[in-house]
Structures are given as C-alpha cells and as structure tokens.
Amino acid sequence: MITFFTGLYTTLVTHWVTIQLAWTTGKSIIKITKFFNSMKGIATKEQVKMIATILDDLKKFKNPILETFDGPAYEFSINLIDDYGIEKLPTEVKEPLSAVLQMVVDKSYDAVPQEAGKILASLIDIKKVSEEREIKFAVAGCEFILEGILLWIESRKSEEE
C-alpha cells in the first residue's frame, strides 16, 4: 500500500513540476520536457532509459493509469539525479562512475563492487587507515549492497510468478 502511494506521489510531483515550470515561464510543456532532456550528466539517454525500464519492470501498478506514467516518472527522476546530483561530485570521479553505470546496464555485476569501491574510497579519507584498507572496506560494502539489491530483485520476480 505504501509503495502504491509512493509511486502515485512521484508521478504527481513529476507532472506538477513540469506544469508549474510551463505555467511560470510561459513556455509549453514540450519545451520544458526538451529542456530536461537536454541537461547533461554522466548517464547516456540509453542508460537512463534502461535503468528506468528496470525500475518500471520491478514495480507493476494495478492501476493502468499509474502504470502508464511510472516509467516516464522514473526516467525524469533519474535524469534529475544524474544532472543535478552528479554535478556536485569531483570531476575525477565522474568518468569512473560512468563506467560503473555502464557495467550495471550491461549486467556485468562481478566488476561493479571493485570499481565502485575504488570510487568510494577516493571520496572518503579515514585518518590512520591505509588507502589499501579503505578500498577493501569500500569494496566489501559495495558487494554487500549489490548482493542485497540482486536478492531483492530476485524475490520480487519470484513473487510475481
């Protein structure tokens, strides 16, 4: 039930923001949508579409109207995170993060924790801990998170069958 309301809220907020921007700027909704689509982050349009499709496939709404709009809402949300959140990261992290994103899209999960751990370790500096140990700790954390996500995805798929 909570998931239903979360999806509904996300969908409504996405459309509300687009309509508000169109109304306040006097531009059409199509121009606002093109503006959001032209923003630059580290993810390609194909990667964003693939991740949105994965999220859309994980959650199926019983309401056909919500099911119609949840895919575009995921895509919109991913673009906002990509374009505004990633911007705050150091430049030297963006390229390796883009490579990790491509690994996820390609479902090359074995290499993801190692690469993501290196990125995480470069962002965190723990005093009196060697760089090598920081990387090991970060990789172990990434492996734990990835395994949790993959188990959750498998359980969702088995629930639907």
Protein backbone atom coordinates (compact mmCIF):
# COMPACT_ATOMS: atom_id res chain seq x y z
CA MET A 1 0.00 0.00 0.00
CA ILE A 2 2.84 2.38 0.86
CA THR A 3 4.53 1.57 -2.45
CA PHE A 4 1.34 2.48 -4.27
CA PHE A 5 1.19 5.92 -2.64
CA THR A 6 4.92 6.48 -3.17
CA GLY A 7 4.54 5.75 -6.88
CA LEU A 8 1.46 7.94 -7.10
CA TYR A 9 3.27 10.75 -5.28
CA THR A 10 6.32 10.51 -7.57
CA THR A 11 4.15 10.57 -10.66
CA LEU A 12 2.09 13.50 -9.47
CA VAL A 13 5.12 15.51 -8.38
CA THR A 14 6.85 14.93 -11.73
CA HIS A 15 3.88 16.20 -13.67
CA TRP A 16 3.21 19.03 -11.20
CA VAL A 17 6.79 20.31 -11.55
CA THR A 18 6.57 20.22 -15.35
CA ILE A 19 3.21 22.02 -15.38
CA GLN A 20 4.39 24.62 -12.84
CA LEU A 21 7.51 25.35 -14.86
CA ALA A 22 5.44 25.68 -18.01
CA TRP A 23 2.96 27.99 -16.29
CA THR A 24 5.53 30.23 -14.56
CA THR A 25 7.86 30.55 -17.56
CA GLY A 26 5.14 30.80 -20.18
CA LYS A 27 6.77 28.00 -22.18
CA SER A 28 5.00 24.92 -23.43
CA ILE A 29 5.23 21.60 -21.63
CA ILE A 30 7.02 20.22 -24.70
CA LYS A 31 9.73 22.91 -24.39
CA ILE A 32 10.13 22.18 -20.67
CA THR A 33 10.43 18.46 -21.38
CA LYS A 34 13.03 19.15 -24.11
CA PHE A 35 14.94 21.32 -21.61
CA PHE A 36 15.05 18.48 -19.08
CA ASN A 37 16.09 16.04 -21.80
CA SER A 38 18.94 18.34 -22.92
CA MET A 39 20.57 18.52 -19.48
CA LYS A 40 23.90 16.76 -19.18
CA GLY A 41 25.02 14.29 -16.54
CA ILE A 42 27.18 11.19 -16.78
CA ALA A 43 24.43 8.84 -17.97
CA THR A 44 23.59 8.48 -21.63
CA LYS A 45 19.95 8.54 -22.73
CA GLU A 46 20.17 4.79 -23.35
CA GLN A 47 21.46 4.16 -19.82
CA VAL A 48 18.71 6.30 -18.30
CA LYS A 49 16.08 4.53 -20.37
CA MET A 50 17.48 1.10 -19.40
CA ILE A 51 17.52 1.92 -15.66
CA ALA A 52 14.01 3.39 -15.86
CA THR A 53 12.83 0.23 -17.65
CA ILE A 54 14.38 -1.96 -14.95
CA LEU A 55 12.64 0.07 -12.22
CA ASP A 56 9.39 0.04 -14.18
CA ASP A 57 9.57 -3.74 -14.55
CA LEU A 58 10.25 -4.22 -10.84
CA LYS A 59 7.06 -2.45 -9.79
CA LYS A 60 3.81 -3.07 -11.61
CA PHE A 61 0.85 -0.94 -10.58
CA LYS A 62 -2.61 -2.45 -10.66
CA ASN A 63 -4.00 0.89 -11.76
CA PRO A 64 -3.40 1.19 -15.54
CA ILE A 65 -3.13 4.98 -15.36
CA LEU A 66 -0.33 4.82 -12.79
CA GLU A 67 1.37 2.05 -14.74
CA THR A 68 1.33 4.26 -17.83
CA PHE A 69 3.08 7.16 -16.10
CA ASP A 70 5.52 5.42 -13.75
CA GLY A 71 8.11 4.74 -16.50
CA PRO A 72 8.36 8.40 -17.54
CA ALA A 73 8.40 9.41 -13.86
CA TYR A 74 11.36 7.10 -13.22
CA GLU A 75 13.13 8.48 -16.27
CA PHE A 76 12.50 12.07 -15.16
CA SER A 77 13.75 11.33 -11.63
CA ILE A 78 16.89 9.56 -12.86
CA ASN A 79 17.66 12.50 -15.16
CA LEU A 80 17.28 14.97 -12.30
CA ILE A 81 19.61 12.95 -10.07
CA ASP A 82 22.07 12.49 -12.91
CA ASP A 83 22.06 16.11 -13.99
CA TYR A 84 21.97 17.86 -10.62
CA GLY A 85 23.31 15.35 -8.07
CA ILE A 86 26.25 14.04 -10.07
CA GLU A 87 27.28 17.63 -10.84
CA LYS A 88 28.39 18.03 -7.22
CA LEU A 89 30.89 15.16 -7.45
CA PRO A 90 34.56 15.84 -8.21
CA THR A 91 35.41 15.68 -11.93
CA GLU A 92 37.87 12.80 -11.49
CA VAL A 93 35.02 10.62 -10.13
CA LYS A 94 32.54 11.20 -12.95
CA GLU A 95 34.28 9.15 -15.64
CA PRO A 96 34.82 6.02 -13.48
CA LEU A 97 31.25 6.37 -12.20
CA SER A 98 30.01 6.44 -15.78
CA ALA A 99 31.94 3.23 -16.44
CA VAL A 100 30.33 1.59 -13.37
CA LEU A 101 26.92 2.70 -14.60
CA GLN A 102 27.62 1.05 -17.95
CA MET A 103 28.65 -2.16 -16.15
CA VAL A 104 25.31 -2.16 -14.33
CA VAL A 105 23.40 -1.60 -17.56
CA ASP A 106 25.40 -4.42 -19.19
CA LYS A 107 24.68 -6.60 -16.12
CA SER A 108 28.42 -7.13 -15.54
CA TYR A 109 27.83 -7.29 -11.81
CA ASP A 110 31.10 -9.05 -10.91
CA ALA A 111 33.25 -5.99 -11.61
CA VAL A 112 30.86 -3.39 -10.14
CA PRO A 113 31.81 -3.69 -6.42
CA GLN A 114 35.55 -3.42 -7.14
CA GLU A 115 35.21 -0.32 -9.31
CA ALA A 116 32.52 1.32 -7.15
CA GLY A 117 34.63 0.59 -4.06
CA LYS A 118 37.63 2.36 -5.59
CA ILE A 119 35.47 5.40 -6.35
CA LEU A 120 34.02 5.42 -2.84
CA ALA A 121 37.47 5.07 -1.27
CA SER A 122 38.72 8.03 -3.31
CA LEU A 123 35.93 10.17 -1.85
CA ILE A 124 36.48 9.09 1.77
CA ASP A 125 39.66 9.60 3.74
CA ILE A 126 39.81 7.77 7.06
CA LYS A 127 42.73 9.00 9.16
CA LYS A 128 45.24 6.38 10.28
CA VAL A 129 43.86 3.84 7.79
CA SER A 130 45.86 2.96 4.70
CA GLU A 131 44.42 3.57 1.24
CA GLU A 132 44.54 -0.19 0.58
CA ARG A 133 42.36 -0.93 3.62
CA GLU A 134 39.94 1.86 2.72
CA ILE A 135 39.50 0.29 -0.72
CA LYS A 136 38.95 -3.19 0.77
CA PHE A 137 36.38 -1.81 3.18
CA ALA A 138 34.57 0.14 0.45
CA VAL A 139 34.58 -2.86 -1.93
CA ALA A 140 33.14 -5.10 0.79
CA GLY A 141 30.39 -2.55 1.45
CA CYS A 142 29.59 -2.30 -2.26
CA GLU A 143 29.47 -6.11 -2.55
CA PHE A 144 27.06 -6.25 0.39
CA ILE A 145 24.78 -3.59 -1.13
CA LEU A 146 24.86 -5.16 -4.60
CA GLU A 147 24.02 -8.62 -3.23
CA GLY A 148 21.13 -7.14 -1.26
CA ILE A 149 19.76 -5.41 -4.36
CA LEU A 150 20.11 -8.55 -6.51
CA LEU A 151 18.38 -10.69 -3.86
CA TRP A 152 15.57 -8.16 -3.61
CA ILE A 153 15.13 -8.16 -7.40
CA GLU A 154 15.04 -11.97 -7.47
CA SER A 155 12.45 -12.07 -4.66
CA ARG A 156 10.27 -9.54 -6.49
CA LYS A 157 10.41 -11.61 -9.67
CA SER A 158 9.54 -14.82 -7.80
CA GLU A 159 6.59 -13.07 -6.07
CA GLU A 160 5.18 -12.10 -9.45
CA GLU A 161 5.37 -15.69 -10.78
